[in-house]
Amino acid sequence: MSDDVESLVAKYDQGVVNRRQLLAGLAALTAAPLAASKSGANQPAFQGKSLNHVTLSVSNVEKSKEFYSSILGISTVSQQKNGINLGLGDSFLGLYAIKEPPRVNHFCIGLDEFRVQVAAERLTQFGVSPFVRKDKPEVYFKDPDGITVQLESKDYRG
């Protein structure tokens, strides 16, 4: 976009466009990305590649682990301080002791070439407020209903 602005200003400086045309052009250039993001007319913010994982808030991590392991034949692929991740092919099911009633805590969409800062900036461009964790390179945001969505590399395993 900065190249377009520079080109427009250069045309104004050369007398190719008048002041009114310059202002109209600048307004159009700055409004287009916002309008496109709201209407979906341009490319999406990201191209999701997989449902990376779903994290459940559970009352008892061990009990839930035994349940899902015995029913689905899945085992632990990674562990964090307040929970575990059970492997499901290329994705996983997270079971965490999170202080809230048992429910779906969040889901994660896997992306190609995921980079935290790029994702956070792209969300901001689309009018979405990202939350970037300080302790881990992870990006989250809320959907219109307040459901938490995480973005990560499609290879992320917890």
C-alpha atoms as a PDB file:
ATOM      1  CA  MET A   1       0.000   0.000   0.000  1.00  0.00           C
ATOM      2  CA  SER A   2       2.859   2.421   0.746  1.00  0.00           C
ATOM      3  CA  ASP A   3       3.986   2.134  -2.895  1.00  0.00           C
ATOM      4  CA  ASP A   4       0.482   3.123  -4.015  1.00  0.00           C
ATOM      5  CA  VAL A   5       0.482   6.133  -1.692  1.00  0.00           C
ATOM      6  CA  GLU A   6       3.918   7.225  -2.913  1.00  0.00           C
ATOM      7  CA  SER A   7       2.814   6.868  -6.521  1.00  0.00           C
ATOM      8  CA  LEU A   8      -0.307   8.920  -5.889  1.00  0.00           C
ATOM      9  CA  VAL A   9       1.643  11.684  -4.127  1.00  0.00           C
ATOM     10  CA  ALA A  10       4.213  11.725  -6.966  1.00  0.00           C
ATOM     11  CA  LYS A  11       1.386  12.164  -9.492  1.00  0.00           C
ATOM     12  CA  TYR A  12       0.069  15.052  -7.407  1.00  0.00           C
ATOM     13  CA  ASP A  13       3.542  16.631  -7.239  1.00  0.00           C
ATOM     14  CA  GLN A  14       3.841  16.317 -11.031  1.00  0.00           C
ATOM     15  CA  GLY A  15       0.419  17.899 -11.554  1.00  0.00           C
ATOM     16  CA  VAL A  16      -1.070  14.732 -13.057  1.00  0.00           C
ATOM     17  CA  VAL A  17      -3.822  14.642 -10.394  1.00  0.00           C
ATOM     18  CA  ASN A  18      -5.402  17.566  -8.569  1.00  0.00           C
ATOM     19  CA  ARG A  19      -5.885  17.950  -4.817  1.00  0.00           C
ATOM     20  CA  ARG A  20      -9.405  16.495  -4.881  1.00  0.00           C
ATOM     21  CA  GLN A  21      -8.200  13.440  -6.834  1.00  0.00           C
ATOM     22  CA  LEU A  22      -5.280  13.005  -4.426  1.00  0.00           C
ATOM     23  CA  LEU A  23      -7.586  13.046  -1.377  1.00  0.00           C
ATOM     24  CA  ALA A  24     -10.072  10.690  -3.016  1.00  0.00           C
ATOM     25  CA  GLY A  25      -7.274   8.315  -3.947  1.00  0.00           C
ATOM     26  CA  LEU A  26      -5.798   8.340  -0.433  1.00  0.00           C
ATOM     27  CA  ALA A  27      -9.226   7.738   1.083  1.00  0.00           C
ATOM     28  CA  ALA A  28      -9.808   4.807  -1.259  1.00  0.00           C
ATOM     29  CA  LEU A  29      -6.409   3.284  -0.514  1.00  0.00           C
ATOM     30  CA  THR A  30      -6.868   3.430   3.251  1.00  0.00           C
ATOM     31  CA  ALA A  31     -10.500   2.297   3.232  1.00  0.00           C
ATOM     32  CA  ALA A  32     -10.020  -0.648   0.868  1.00  0.00           C
ATOM     33  CA  PRO A  33      -8.209  -3.031   3.259  1.00  0.00           C
ATOM     34  CA  LEU A  34     -10.766  -2.472   6.031  1.00  0.00           C
ATOM     35  CA  ALA A  35     -13.744  -2.846   3.702  1.00  0.00           C
ATOM     36  CA  ALA A  36     -12.255  -5.955   2.131  1.00  0.00           C
ATOM     37  CA  SER A  37     -11.601  -7.570   5.489  1.00  0.00           C
ATOM     38  CA  LYS A  38     -15.165  -6.907   6.633  1.00  0.00           C
ATOM     39  CA  SER A  39     -16.785  -8.035   3.404  1.00  0.00           C
ATOM     40  CA  GLY A  40     -14.452 -10.945   2.712  1.00  0.00           C
ATOM     41  CA  ALA A  41     -13.917  -9.592  -0.809  1.00  0.00           C
ATOM     42  CA  ASN A  42     -10.138 -10.034  -0.685  1.00  0.00           C
ATOM     43  CA  GLN A  43      -8.048 -12.890   0.563  1.00  0.00           C
ATOM     44  CA  PRO A  44      -8.805 -14.208   4.060  1.00  0.00           C
ATOM     45  CA  ALA A  45      -6.500 -13.299   6.933  1.00  0.00           C
ATOM     46  CA  PHE A  46      -5.159 -16.887   6.980  1.00  0.00           C
ATOM     47  CA  GLN A  47      -5.618 -20.201   5.193  1.00  0.00           C
ATOM     48  CA  GLY A  48      -6.407 -22.799   7.847  1.00  0.00           C
ATOM     49  CA  LYS A  49      -4.917 -26.197   7.087  1.00  0.00           C
ATOM     50  CA  SER A  50      -6.142 -28.378   9.916  1.00  0.00           C
ATOM     51  CA  LEU A  51      -8.021 -28.538  13.161  1.00  0.00           C
ATOM     52  CA  ASN A  52      -4.850 -28.752  15.214  1.00  0.00           C
ATOM     53  CA  HIS A  53      -6.437 -29.514  18.564  1.00  0.00           C
ATOM     54  CA  VAL A  54      -9.351 -29.043  20.934  1.00  0.00           C
ATOM     55  CA  THR A  55      -8.673 -28.323  24.600  1.00  0.00           C
ATOM     56  CA  LEU A  56     -11.175 -29.398  27.211  1.00  0.00           C
ATOM     57  CA  SER A  57     -11.436 -27.908  30.669  1.00  0.00           C
ATOM     58  CA  VAL A  58     -11.857 -31.006  32.851  1.00  0.00           C
ATOM     59  CA  SER A  59     -12.435 -31.539  36.572  1.00  0.00           C
ATOM     60  CA  ASN A  60      -9.888 -34.376  36.839  1.00  0.00           C
ATOM     61  CA  VAL A  61      -7.097 -34.704  34.248  1.00  0.00           C
ATOM     62  CA  GLU A  62      -6.129 -38.291  35.175  1.00  0.00           C
ATOM     63  CA  LYS A  63      -9.733 -39.518  35.172  1.00  0.00           C
ATOM     64  CA  SER A  64     -10.362 -37.884  31.792  1.00  0.00           C
ATOM     65  CA  LYS A  65      -7.098 -39.281  30.415  1.00  0.00           C
ATOM     66  CA  GLU A  66      -8.091 -42.812  31.433  1.00  0.00           C
ATOM     67  CA  PHE A  67     -11.550 -42.341  29.935  1.00  0.00           C
ATOM     68  CA  TYR A  68     -10.387 -41.061  26.540  1.00  0.00           C
ATOM     69  CA  SER A  69      -7.467 -43.507  26.401  1.00  0.00           C
ATOM     70  CA  SER A  70      -9.718 -46.498  27.054  1.00  0.00           C
ATOM     71  CA  ILE A  71     -12.497 -45.371  24.714  1.00  0.00           C
ATOM     72  CA  LEU A  72     -10.391 -44.027  21.837  1.00  0.00           C
ATOM     73  CA  GLY A  73      -7.106 -45.914  22.252  1.00  0.00           C
ATOM     74  CA  ILE A  74      -5.058 -42.707  22.367  1.00  0.00           C
ATOM     75  CA  SER A  75      -2.021 -41.935  24.479  1.00  0.00           C
ATOM     76  CA  THR A  76      -0.115 -38.937  25.828  1.00  0.00           C
ATOM     77  CA  VAL A  77       2.020 -37.059  23.282  1.00  0.00           C
ATOM     78  CA  SER A  78       2.985 -34.104  25.491  1.00  0.00           C
ATOM     79  CA  GLN A  79       2.443 -32.753  28.965  1.00  0.00           C
ATOM     80  CA  GLN A  80       2.258 -29.297  30.499  1.00  0.00           C
ATOM     81  CA  LYS A  81       2.018 -28.196  34.111  1.00  0.00           C
ATOM     82  CA  ASN A  82      -1.782 -28.322  34.331  1.00  0.00           C
ATOM     83  CA  GLY A  83      -2.677 -30.942  31.737  1.00  0.00           C
ATOM     84  CA  ILE A  84      -1.839 -33.371  28.983  1.00  0.00           C
ATOM     85  CA  ASN A  85      -2.292 -33.783  25.247  1.00  0.00           C
ATOM     86  CA  LEU A  86      -3.505 -37.079  23.806  1.00  0.00           C
ATOM     87  CA  GLY A  87      -2.493 -37.829  20.213  1.00  0.00           C
ATOM     88  CA  LEU A  88      -5.181 -38.075  17.523  1.00  0.00           C
ATOM     89  CA  GLY A  89      -3.378 -38.650  14.229  1.00  0.00           C
ATOM     90  CA  ASP A  90      -2.013 -35.264  13.154  1.00  0.00           C
ATOM     91  CA  SER A  91      -3.903 -33.457  15.921  1.00  0.00           C
ATOM     92  CA  PHE A  92      -4.474 -33.857  19.644  1.00  0.00           C
ATOM     93  CA  LEU A  93      -7.047 -33.630  22.419  1.00  0.00           C
ATOM     94  CA  GLY A  94      -5.944 -31.427  25.306  1.00  0.00           C
ATOM     95  CA  LEU A  95      -7.178 -32.237  28.821  1.00  0.00           C
ATOM     96  CA  TYR A  96      -6.484 -29.439  31.292  1.00  0.00           C
ATOM     97  CA  ALA A  97      -7.361 -28.520  34.870  1.00  0.00           C
ATOM     98  CA  ILE A  98      -8.629 -25.029  34.095  1.00  0.00           C
ATOM     99  CA  LYS A  99     -10.636 -23.166  36.713  1.00  0.00           C
ATOM    100  CA  GLU A 100     -13.966 -23.090  34.931  1.00  0.00           C
ATOM    101  CA  PRO A 101     -16.846 -25.527  34.558  1.00  0.00           C
ATOM    102  CA  PRO A 102     -16.004 -28.516  32.325  1.00  0.00           C
ATOM    103  CA  ARG A 103     -16.388 -27.350  28.718  1.00  0.00           C
ATOM    104  CA  VAL A 104     -14.510 -26.768  25.487  1.00  0.00           C
ATOM    105  CA  ASN A 105     -11.854 -24.227  26.496  1.00  0.00           C
ATOM    106  CA  HIS A 106     -10.570 -23.439  22.988  1.00  0.00           C
ATOM    107  CA  PHE A 107      -9.773 -24.924  19.623  1.00  0.00           C
ATOM    108  CA  CYS A 108      -6.669 -24.448  17.521  1.00  0.00           C
ATOM    109  CA  ILE A 109      -6.361 -23.984  13.789  1.00  0.00           C
ATOM    110  CA  GLY A 110      -3.109 -25.145  12.194  1.00  0.00           C
ATOM    111  CA  LEU A 111      -1.484 -22.885   9.617  1.00  0.00           C
ATOM    112  CA  ASP A 112       1.348 -23.258   7.129  1.00  0.00           C
ATOM    113  CA  GLU A 113       4.357 -21.029   7.889  1.00  0.00           C
ATOM    114  CA  PHE A 114       2.971 -19.813  11.227  1.00  0.00           C
ATOM    115  CA  ARG A 115       4.830 -16.891  12.845  1.00  0.00           C
ATOM    116  CA  VAL A 116       3.489 -15.333  16.049  1.00  0.00           C
ATOM    117  CA  GLN A 117       4.088 -11.663  15.297  1.00  0.00           C
ATOM    118  CA  VAL A 118       2.892 -11.955  11.699  1.00  0.00           C
ATOM    119  CA  ALA A 119      -0.305 -13.677  12.871  1.00  0.00           C
ATOM    120  CA  ALA A 120      -0.916 -11.059  15.570  1.00  0.00           C
ATOM    121  CA  GLU A 121      -0.394  -8.208  13.096  1.00  0.00           C
ATOM    122  CA  ARG A 122      -2.644  -9.848  10.503  1.00  0.00           C
ATOM    123  CA  LEU A 123      -5.447 -10.281  13.061  1.00  0.00           C
ATOM    124  CA  THR A 124      -5.121  -6.616  14.015  1.00  0.00           C
ATOM    125  CA  GLN A 125      -5.407  -5.638  10.329  1.00  0.00           C
ATOM    126  CA  PHE A 126      -8.707  -7.528  10.240  1.00  0.00           C
ATOM    127  CA  GLY A 127     -10.022  -5.676  13.289  1.00  0.00           C
ATOM    128  CA  VAL A 128      -9.491  -8.612  15.667  1.00  0.00           C
ATOM    129  CA  SER A 129      -7.645  -8.138  18.965  1.00  0.00           C
ATOM    130  CA  PRO A 130      -5.012 -10.860  19.372  1.00  0.00           C
ATOM    131  CA  PHE A 131      -3.676 -12.136  22.687  1.00  0.00           C
ATOM    132  CA  VAL A 132      -0.030 -13.262  22.521  1.00  0.00           C
ATOM    133  CA  ARG A 133       1.148 -15.318  25.462  1.00  0.00           C
ATOM    134  CA  LYS A 134       4.273 -14.011  27.195  1.00  0.00           C
ATOM    135  CA  ASP A 135       5.525 -17.442  28.324  1.00  0.00           C
ATOM    136  CA  LYS A 136       5.029 -19.278  24.992  1.00  0.00           C
ATOM    137  CA  PRO A 137       4.842 -18.166  21.361  1.00  0.00           C
ATOM    138  CA  GLU A 138       1.070 -18.656  20.991  1.00  0.00           C
ATOM    139  CA  VAL A 139      -1.636 -16.413  19.529  1.00  0.00           C
ATOM    140  CA  TYR A 140      -5.268 -16.426  20.606  1.00  0.00           C
ATOM    141  CA  PHE A 141      -8.366 -14.397  19.762  1.00  0.00           C
ATOM    142  CA  LYS A 142     -12.094 -14.479  20.491  1.00  0.00           C
ATOM    143  CA  ASP A 143     -14.749 -15.172  17.877  1.00  0.00           C
ATOM    144  CA  PRO A 144     -17.980 -13.105  17.805  1.00  0.00           C
ATOM    145  CA  ASP A 145     -19.531 -15.404  20.448  1.00  0.00           C
ATOM    146  CA  GLY A 146     -16.530 -15.167  22.778  1.00  0.00           C
ATOM    147  CA  ILE A 147     -15.132 -18.618  21.911  1.00  0.00           C
ATOM    148  CA  THR A 148     -11.346 -18.704  22.112  1.00  0.00           C
ATOM    149  CA  VAL A 149      -9.479 -19.628  18.929  1.00  0.00           C
ATOM    150  CA  GLN A 150      -5.746 -20.372  18.868  1.00  0.00           C
ATOM    151  CA  LEU A 151      -3.521 -20.156  15.796  1.00  0.00           C
ATOM    152  CA  GLU A 152      -0.413 -22.329  15.562  1.00  0.00           C
ATOM    153  CA  SER A 153       1.780 -24.176  13.126  1.00  0.00           C
ATOM    154  CA  LYS A 154      -0.032 -27.153  11.602  1.00  0.00           C
ATOM    155  CA  ASP A 155       2.712 -29.333  13.171  1.00  0.00           C
ATOM    156  CA  TYR A 156       2.178 -28.026  16.728  1.00  0.00           C
ATOM    157  CA  ARG A 157       1.933 -30.809  19.316  1.00  0.00           C
ATOM    158  CA  GLY A 158       1.505 -28.959  22.586  1.00  0.00           C
END
